[in-house]
């Protein structure tokens, strides 16, 4: 009886993993966007992916992010850095959500990937 239960659990995990691997529709990770687009008229809650540099620490978890089109404020929680060393010269890809606070629009970052050191 336990052997059947374990087998059923293993098969359900295997089938669900293969279904996710074959999905080719839109992703919550967001489309490639520029800072100008993100700071402009994209709706709050829109997921975006930006490639550029974190150039300045503002306060707490807020930083200035810059790409070829401009710069804007981003919020990067400590857990998102995952121990990666990021300097102003480091090119990173950030994925996050457009949000608005008292100081204006910013991107709340969910993921950060070092593209080139």
C-alpha atoms as a PDB file:
ATOM      1  CA  UNK A   1       0.000   0.000   0.000  1.00  0.00           C
ATOM      2  CA  UNK A   2       2.789   2.453   0.903  1.00  0.00           C
ATOM      3  CA  UNK A   3       4.728   1.448  -2.188  1.00  0.00           C
ATOM      4  CA  UNK A   4       1.763   2.435  -4.411  1.00  0.00           C
ATOM      5  CA  UNK A   5       1.369   5.744  -2.602  1.00  0.00           C
ATOM      6  CA  UNK A   6       5.052   6.572  -3.006  1.00  0.00           C
ATOM      7  CA  UNK A   7       4.971   5.530  -6.675  1.00  0.00           C
ATOM      8  CA  UNK A   8       1.939   7.738  -7.283  1.00  0.00           C
ATOM      9  CA  UNK A   9       3.650  10.687  -5.617  1.00  0.00           C
ATOM     10  CA  UNK A  10       6.842  10.222  -7.656  1.00  0.00           C
ATOM     11  CA  UNK A  11       4.871   9.980 -10.911  1.00  0.00           C
ATOM     12  CA  UNK A  12       2.824  13.098 -10.143  1.00  0.00           C
ATOM     13  CA  UNK A  13       5.991  15.098  -9.453  1.00  0.00           C
ATOM     14  CA  UNK A  14       7.609  13.818 -12.654  1.00  0.00           C
ATOM     15  CA  UNK A  15       4.570  14.681 -14.790  1.00  0.00           C
ATOM     16  CA  UNK A  16       4.166  18.147 -13.297  1.00  0.00           C
ATOM     17  CA  UNK A  17       7.866  18.952 -13.806  1.00  0.00           C
ATOM     18  CA  UNK A  18       7.754  17.896 -17.460  1.00  0.00           C
ATOM     19  CA  UNK A  19       4.629  19.996 -18.059  1.00  0.00           C
ATOM     20  CA  UNK A  20       6.379  23.112 -16.757  1.00  0.00           C
ATOM     21  CA  UNK A  21       9.485  22.448 -18.819  1.00  0.00           C
ATOM     22  CA  UNK A  22       7.453  22.408 -22.042  1.00  0.00           C
ATOM     23  CA  UNK A  23       5.492  25.628 -21.437  1.00  0.00           C
ATOM     24  CA  UNK A  24       6.221  28.239 -24.087  1.00  0.00           C
ATOM     25  CA  UNK A  25       3.760  31.038 -23.257  1.00  0.00           C
ATOM     26  CA  UNK A  26       4.242  34.369 -21.486  1.00  0.00           C
ATOM     27  CA  UNK A  27       6.249  34.442 -18.289  1.00  0.00           C
ATOM     28  CA  UNK A  28       5.880  36.354 -15.038  1.00  0.00           C
ATOM     29  CA  UNK A  29       9.570  37.249 -15.367  1.00  0.00           C
ATOM     30  CA  UNK A  30       8.668  40.149 -17.649  1.00  0.00           C
ATOM     31  CA  UNK A  31       9.787  41.266 -21.045  1.00  0.00           C
ATOM     32  CA  UNK A  32      13.072  43.019 -21.750  1.00  0.00           C
ATOM     33  CA  UNK A  33      12.476  46.672 -20.977  1.00  0.00           C
ATOM     34  CA  UNK A  34      14.503  49.859 -20.817  1.00  0.00           C
ATOM     35  CA  UNK A  35      14.639  52.212 -17.848  1.00  0.00           C
ATOM     36  CA  UNK A  36      12.878  54.857 -19.944  1.00  0.00           C
ATOM     37  CA  UNK A  37       9.963  52.479 -20.556  1.00  0.00           C
ATOM     38  CA  UNK A  38       9.840  51.336 -16.913  1.00  0.00           C
ATOM     39  CA  UNK A  39       9.931  54.916 -15.590  1.00  0.00           C
ATOM     40  CA  UNK A  40       7.403  56.034 -18.182  1.00  0.00           C
ATOM     41  CA  UNK A  41       3.905  54.776 -18.738  1.00  0.00           C
ATOM     42  CA  UNK A  42       4.015  51.056 -17.863  1.00  0.00           C
ATOM     43  CA  UNK A  43       1.257  50.110 -15.433  1.00  0.00           C
ATOM     44  CA  UNK A  44       2.019  49.522 -11.769  1.00  0.00           C
ATOM     45  CA  UNK A  45       2.374  45.762 -11.279  1.00  0.00           C
ATOM     46  CA  UNK A  46       3.935  45.177 -14.706  1.00  0.00           C
ATOM     47  CA  UNK A  47       6.850  42.713 -14.575  1.00  0.00           C
ATOM     48  CA  UNK A  48       9.984  43.901 -16.339  1.00  0.00           C
ATOM     49  CA  UNK A  49      13.511  42.709 -17.021  1.00  0.00           C
ATOM     50  CA  UNK A  50      16.244  45.359 -17.159  1.00  0.00           C
ATOM     51  CA  UNK A  51      19.904  44.946 -18.082  1.00  0.00           C
ATOM     52  CA  UNK A  52      22.423  47.511 -16.886  1.00  0.00           C
ATOM     53  CA  UNK A  53      24.297  48.535 -13.744  1.00  0.00           C
ATOM     54  CA  UNK A  54      23.504  49.195 -10.099  1.00  0.00           C
ATOM     55  CA  UNK A  55      25.474  52.424  -9.751  1.00  0.00           C
ATOM     56  CA  UNK A  56      24.636  53.813  -6.333  1.00  0.00           C
ATOM     57  CA  UNK A  57      23.286  52.821  -2.917  1.00  0.00           C
ATOM     58  CA  UNK A  58      20.649  55.334  -1.797  1.00  0.00           C
ATOM     59  CA  UNK A  59      19.425  53.991   1.557  1.00  0.00           C
ATOM     60  CA  UNK A  60      18.357  50.697   3.118  1.00  0.00           C
ATOM     61  CA  UNK A  61      17.460  48.458   0.150  1.00  0.00           C
ATOM     62  CA  UNK A  62      17.143  51.261  -2.434  1.00  0.00           C
ATOM     63  CA  UNK A  63      19.656  51.737  -5.242  1.00  0.00           C
ATOM     64  CA  UNK A  64      20.026  53.661  -8.486  1.00  0.00           C
ATOM     65  CA  UNK A  65      19.970  51.435 -11.580  1.00  0.00           C
ATOM     66  CA  UNK A  66      21.173  52.677 -14.977  1.00  0.00           C
ATOM     67  CA  UNK A  67      20.997  51.308 -18.503  1.00  0.00           C
ATOM     68  CA  UNK A  68      21.710  52.980 -21.862  1.00  0.00           C
ATOM     69  CA  UNK A  69      18.380  54.832 -21.771  1.00  0.00           C
ATOM     70  CA  UNK A  70      18.593  56.395 -18.303  1.00  0.00           C
ATOM     71  CA  UNK A  71      18.445  55.681 -14.573  1.00  0.00           C
ATOM     72  CA  UNK A  72      15.803  55.003 -11.938  1.00  0.00           C
ATOM     73  CA  UNK A  73      15.379  53.879  -8.358  1.00  0.00           C
ATOM     74  CA  UNK A  74      15.122  50.169  -7.611  1.00  0.00           C
ATOM     75  CA  UNK A  75      14.489  48.257  -4.399  1.00  0.00           C
ATOM     76  CA  UNK A  76      16.688  45.178  -4.064  1.00  0.00           C
ATOM     77  CA  UNK A  77      16.134  43.121  -0.893  1.00  0.00           C
ATOM     78  CA  UNK A  78      19.326  41.632   0.602  1.00  0.00           C
ATOM     79  CA  UNK A  79      18.122  38.080  -0.170  1.00  0.00           C
ATOM     80  CA  UNK A  80      18.052  38.880  -3.909  1.00  0.00           C
ATOM     81  CA  UNK A  81      21.815  39.520  -4.011  1.00  0.00           C
ATOM     82  CA  UNK A  82      22.429  35.899  -2.868  1.00  0.00           C
ATOM     83  CA  UNK A  83      25.995  36.759  -1.888  1.00  0.00           C
ATOM     84  CA  UNK A  84      26.910  37.951  -5.387  1.00  0.00           C
ATOM     85  CA  UNK A  85      29.392  40.822  -5.528  1.00  0.00           C
ATOM     86  CA  UNK A  86      27.962  43.726  -7.524  1.00  0.00           C
ATOM     87  CA  UNK A  87      29.926  46.887  -8.287  1.00  0.00           C
ATOM     88  CA  UNK A  88      28.959  49.877 -10.471  1.00  0.00           C
ATOM     89  CA  UNK A  89      30.942  48.323 -13.337  1.00  0.00           C
ATOM     90  CA  UNK A  90      29.126  44.956 -13.034  1.00  0.00           C
ATOM     91  CA  UNK A  91      26.476  44.368 -15.689  1.00  0.00           C
ATOM     92  CA  UNK A  92      23.399  42.747 -14.156  1.00  0.00           C
ATOM     93  CA  UNK A  93      19.989  41.607 -15.311  1.00  0.00           C
ATOM     94  CA  UNK A  94      17.219  42.404 -12.844  1.00  0.00           C
ATOM     95  CA  UNK A  95      13.650  41.172 -12.940  1.00  0.00           C
ATOM     96  CA  UNK A  96      10.966  42.869 -10.940  1.00  0.00           C
ATOM     97  CA  UNK A  97       7.682  44.682 -10.716  1.00  0.00           C
ATOM     98  CA  UNK A  98       6.874  48.346 -11.349  1.00  0.00           C
ATOM     99  CA  UNK A  99       5.682  50.015  -8.148  1.00  0.00           C
ATOM    100  CA  UNK A 100       5.004  53.550  -6.903  1.00  0.00           C
ATOM    101  CA  UNK A 101       5.907  55.012  -3.520  1.00  0.00           C
ATOM    102  CA  UNK A 102       6.103  58.461  -1.962  1.00  0.00           C
ATOM    103  CA  UNK A 103       9.307  59.156  -3.892  1.00  0.00           C
ATOM    104  CA  UNK A 104       7.837  58.088  -7.248  1.00  0.00           C
ATOM    105  CA  UNK A 105       8.089  55.049  -9.510  1.00  0.00           C
ATOM    106  CA  UNK A 106      10.596  52.300  -8.884  1.00  0.00           C
ATOM    107  CA  UNK A 107      11.171  48.619  -9.621  1.00  0.00           C
ATOM    108  CA  UNK A 108      10.832  46.109  -6.776  1.00  0.00           C
ATOM    109  CA  UNK A 109      13.459  43.533  -7.754  1.00  0.00           C
ATOM    110  CA  UNK A 110      12.688  39.813  -7.359  1.00  0.00           C
ATOM    111  CA  UNK A 111      15.780  38.418  -9.107  1.00  0.00           C
ATOM    112  CA  UNK A 112      19.284  39.639  -9.944  1.00  0.00           C
ATOM    113  CA  UNK A 113      21.715  37.859 -12.257  1.00  0.00           C
ATOM    114  CA  UNK A 114      25.306  38.946 -12.884  1.00  0.00           C
ATOM    115  CA  UNK A 115      25.759  39.112 -16.671  1.00  0.00           C
ATOM    116  CA  UNK A 116      29.407  40.209 -16.688  1.00  0.00           C
ATOM    117  CA  UNK A 117      31.663  41.195 -13.807  1.00  0.00           C
END
